[in-house]
Amino acid sequence: MEAIQSFDFTILNAIQDSLRCAFLDGFAVFLSYITTSGIIWIAIAVILLFFRKTRAAGILLLGALALSFLTSELLLKLLIQRPRPFVVNPNITLLITPPTGTSFPSSHSCLAAASATVLLVKKRWLGVIALIMTLCIAFSRLYLYFHFPSDVLCGLLLGVICALIMLWIGKITHLDNRLSKKS
């Protein structure tokens, strides 16, 4: 674990030392606010629910978000209890009020990856946008010094797995076919 944490700090400190600038400061803070509690992904899912052609995607997206939240926030964070980087290294200057709770895995990254995966499969054009946004969110979690790189990578992987589980459930229940039938 010490080797992983040492590697994590090497990456985090390299980002702080070489990439900090006013533009990225603002961009990272903006991404942090719009993705708090998965609000942007929930909003997208709700919009998708309004249209018959995208209703299945909205349901699957909400399911993937719920599964991601449960596994990242309510299970793994409570079990693992890894302190956040700014707690381990309090000498860093944070740009915004730090989040509470523990670090592993990154729930922001998990929710984003789950959303991007569902959207890539169900609505490719929206999924490409979500994938780009996911990569930006993952980077912002490092940039803000809120998560270790291993937290972000595991969060991304967990999000993909949660999305694939929901997509599989959607497939075996024939969700698309059920929702596309006219009532």
Protein backbone atom coordinates (compact mmCIF):
# COMPACT_ATOMS: atom_id res chain seq x y z
CA MET A 1 0.00 0.00 0.00
CA GLU A 2 2.91 2.35 0.71
CA ALA A 3 4.25 1.86 -2.83
CA ILE A 4 0.83 2.69 -4.31
CA GLN A 5 0.46 5.78 -2.14
CA SER A 6 4.00 6.92 -3.01
CA PHE A 7 3.22 6.53 -6.73
CA ASP A 8 -0.11 8.32 -6.23
CA PHE A 9 1.58 11.28 -4.55
CA THR A 10 4.19 11.44 -7.31
CA ILE A 11 1.42 11.94 -9.87
CA LEU A 12 -0.61 14.33 -7.70
CA ASN A 13 2.39 16.50 -6.91
CA ALA A 14 3.51 16.52 -10.55
CA ILE A 15 0.08 17.84 -11.52
CA GLN A 16 0.29 20.52 -8.83
CA ASP A 17 3.83 21.51 -9.76
CA SER A 18 3.47 21.60 -13.53
CA LEU A 19 -0.16 22.16 -14.49
CA ARG A 20 -1.66 24.59 -11.99
CA CYS A 21 -2.98 27.68 -13.76
CA ALA A 22 -5.96 30.02 -13.53
CA PHE A 23 -7.84 28.38 -16.43
CA LEU A 24 -7.55 24.84 -15.03
CA ASP A 25 -8.33 26.12 -11.53
CA GLY A 26 -11.65 27.50 -12.75
CA PHE A 27 -12.40 24.51 -14.96
CA ALA A 28 -11.77 21.97 -12.17
CA VAL A 29 -13.87 23.93 -9.68
CA PHE A 30 -16.71 24.24 -12.23
CA LEU A 31 -16.66 20.49 -12.93
CA SER A 32 -16.66 19.72 -9.23
CA TYR A 33 -19.78 21.80 -8.66
CA ILE A 34 -21.81 20.54 -11.62
CA THR A 35 -21.04 16.92 -10.84
CA THR A 36 -21.70 17.03 -7.09
CA SER A 37 -24.00 14.15 -6.13
CA GLY A 38 -24.20 13.15 -9.79
CA ILE A 39 -26.68 15.94 -10.44
CA ILE A 40 -25.73 16.45 -14.09
CA TRP A 41 -26.06 12.72 -14.83
CA ILE A 42 -29.39 12.53 -13.02
CA ALA A 43 -30.64 15.52 -15.04
CA ILE A 44 -29.61 13.84 -18.30
CA ALA A 45 -31.36 10.62 -17.25
CA VAL A 46 -34.56 12.48 -16.37
CA ILE A 47 -34.55 14.27 -19.73
CA LEU A 48 -34.12 10.91 -21.48
CA LEU A 49 -37.17 9.56 -19.62
CA PHE A 50 -39.46 12.08 -21.31
CA PHE A 51 -39.07 10.58 -24.79
CA ARG A 52 -40.20 7.11 -25.82
CA LYS A 53 -37.10 6.53 -27.97
CA THR A 54 -34.73 7.33 -25.10
CA ARG A 55 -36.77 6.11 -22.12
CA ALA A 56 -34.86 2.82 -21.80
CA ALA A 57 -31.56 4.71 -21.82
CA GLY A 58 -32.86 6.98 -19.05
CA ILE A 59 -33.97 4.05 -16.91
CA LEU A 60 -30.68 2.22 -17.42
CA LEU A 61 -28.73 5.38 -16.67
CA LEU A 62 -30.63 5.92 -13.41
CA GLY A 63 -30.06 2.27 -12.50
CA ALA A 64 -26.34 2.50 -13.23
CA LEU A 65 -26.11 5.69 -11.17
CA ALA A 66 -27.91 4.06 -8.24
CA LEU A 67 -25.73 0.95 -8.37
CA SER A 68 -22.59 3.07 -8.68
CA PHE A 69 -23.58 5.25 -5.75
CA LEU A 70 -24.43 2.28 -3.56
CA THR A 71 -21.20 0.44 -4.28
CA SER A 72 -18.85 3.43 -4.18
CA GLU A 73 -20.33 5.69 -1.50
CA LEU A 74 -22.24 3.34 0.74
CA LEU A 75 -20.12 0.21 0.53
CA LEU A 76 -16.49 0.65 -0.52
CA LYS A 77 -15.82 4.06 1.04
CA LEU A 78 -17.20 2.83 4.36
CA LEU A 79 -15.26 -0.43 4.20
CA ILE A 80 -11.90 0.94 3.06
CA GLN A 81 -11.79 4.31 4.85
CA ARG A 82 -8.83 5.68 2.87
CA PRO A 83 -8.05 9.28 3.86
CA ARG A 84 -8.08 11.89 1.13
CA PRO A 85 -4.77 13.22 -0.23
CA PHE A 86 -5.20 16.65 1.36
CA VAL A 87 -5.62 14.96 4.75
CA VAL A 88 -2.42 12.96 4.33
CA ASN A 89 -0.59 16.02 2.93
CA PRO A 90 -2.15 19.06 4.63
CA ASN A 91 0.47 21.41 3.10
CA ILE A 92 -1.48 21.67 -0.15
CA THR A 93 -3.59 24.75 -0.85
CA LEU A 94 -7.09 23.70 -1.87
CA LEU A 95 -9.14 25.73 -4.34
CA ILE A 96 -12.54 25.05 -2.78
CA THR A 97 -14.02 23.70 0.43
CA PRO A 98 -12.83 20.12 0.66
CA PRO A 99 -15.28 17.26 0.46
CA THR A 100 -16.03 15.23 3.53
CA GLY A 101 -15.75 11.50 3.72
CA THR A 102 -13.11 9.16 2.51
CA SER A 103 -11.20 8.89 -0.73
CA PHE A 104 -11.51 5.38 -2.16
CA PRO A 105 -13.03 5.04 -4.69
CA SER A 106 -13.75 8.33 -6.42
CA SER A 107 -17.54 8.50 -6.59
CA HIS A 108 -17.40 11.42 -9.06
CA SER A 109 -15.35 9.23 -11.41
CA CYS A 110 -17.55 6.20 -10.77
CA LEU A 111 -20.80 8.01 -11.57
CA ALA A 112 -19.29 9.64 -14.64
CA ALA A 113 -17.92 6.36 -16.01
CA ALA A 114 -21.22 4.58 -15.40
CA SER A 115 -23.06 7.35 -17.23
CA ALA A 116 -20.64 7.45 -20.14
CA THR A 117 -20.77 3.67 -20.55
CA VAL A 118 -24.57 3.50 -20.62
CA LEU A 119 -24.76 6.46 -22.98
CA LEU A 120 -22.06 5.08 -25.30
CA VAL A 121 -24.07 1.89 -25.69
CA LYS A 122 -27.55 3.43 -25.89
CA LYS A 123 -26.99 6.89 -27.44
CA ARG A 124 -23.52 6.96 -28.99
CA TRP A 125 -23.33 10.71 -29.77
CA LEU A 126 -24.31 11.59 -26.21
CA GLY A 127 -21.97 8.90 -24.93
CA VAL A 128 -18.98 10.43 -26.72
CA ILE A 129 -19.71 13.77 -25.05
CA ALA A 130 -20.13 11.98 -21.69
CA LEU A 131 -16.84 10.13 -22.19
CA ILE A 132 -14.95 13.37 -22.79
CA MET A 133 -16.64 14.85 -19.75
CA THR A 134 -15.75 11.75 -17.71
CA LEU A 135 -12.07 12.11 -18.54
CA CYS A 136 -12.20 15.78 -17.56
CA ILE A 137 -13.95 14.95 -14.28
CA ALA A 138 -11.42 12.23 -13.46
CA PHE A 139 -8.56 14.66 -14.08
CA SER A 140 -10.27 17.37 -12.03
CA ARG A 141 -10.44 15.07 -8.98
CA LEU A 142 -6.65 14.77 -9.16
CA TYR A 143 -6.13 18.43 -9.95
CA LEU A 144 -8.20 19.49 -6.94
CA TYR A 145 -6.17 17.07 -4.77
CA PHE A 146 -9.38 15.38 -3.62
CA HIS A 147 -8.47 11.84 -4.76
CA PHE A 148 -5.45 9.70 -5.38
CA PRO A 149 -4.94 8.43 -8.95
CA SER A 150 -5.68 4.87 -7.77
CA ASP A 151 -9.01 6.12 -6.32
CA VAL A 152 -9.93 7.64 -9.67
CA LEU A 153 -8.88 4.58 -11.71
CA CYS A 154 -10.82 2.23 -9.46
CA GLY A 155 -13.80 4.58 -9.53
CA LEU A 156 -13.75 4.59 -13.33
CA LEU A 157 -13.53 0.79 -13.44
CA LEU A 158 -16.30 0.37 -10.90
CA GLY A 159 -18.53 2.73 -12.86
CA VAL A 160 -18.02 0.76 -16.06
CA ILE A 161 -18.80 -2.49 -14.25
CA CYS A 162 -21.99 -1.04 -12.72
CA ALA A 163 -23.10 0.22 -16.13
CA LEU A 164 -22.42 -3.14 -17.76
CA ILE A 165 -24.48 -4.87 -15.08
CA MET A 166 -27.39 -2.51 -15.75
CA LEU A 167 -27.05 -2.92 -19.51
CA TRP A 168 -27.10 -6.70 -19.04
CA ILE A 169 -30.24 -6.42 -16.88
CA GLY A 170 -31.81 -4.23 -19.56
CA LYS A 171 -30.97 -6.83 -22.19
CA ILE A 172 -32.27 -9.88 -20.34
CA THR A 173 -35.50 -8.06 -19.41
CA HIS A 174 -35.95 -6.79 -22.98
CA LEU A 175 -36.38 -3.28 -21.61
CA ASP A 176 -36.03 -1.60 -25.02
CA ASN A 177 -38.77 -3.76 -26.53
CA ARG A 178 -41.13 -3.24 -23.60
CA LEU A 179 -40.78 0.52 -23.64
CA SER A 180 -40.93 0.97 -27.39
CA LYS A 181 -44.39 -0.66 -27.65
CA LYS A 182 -47.15 1.89 -27.93
CA SER A 183 -49.51 1.90 -24.99
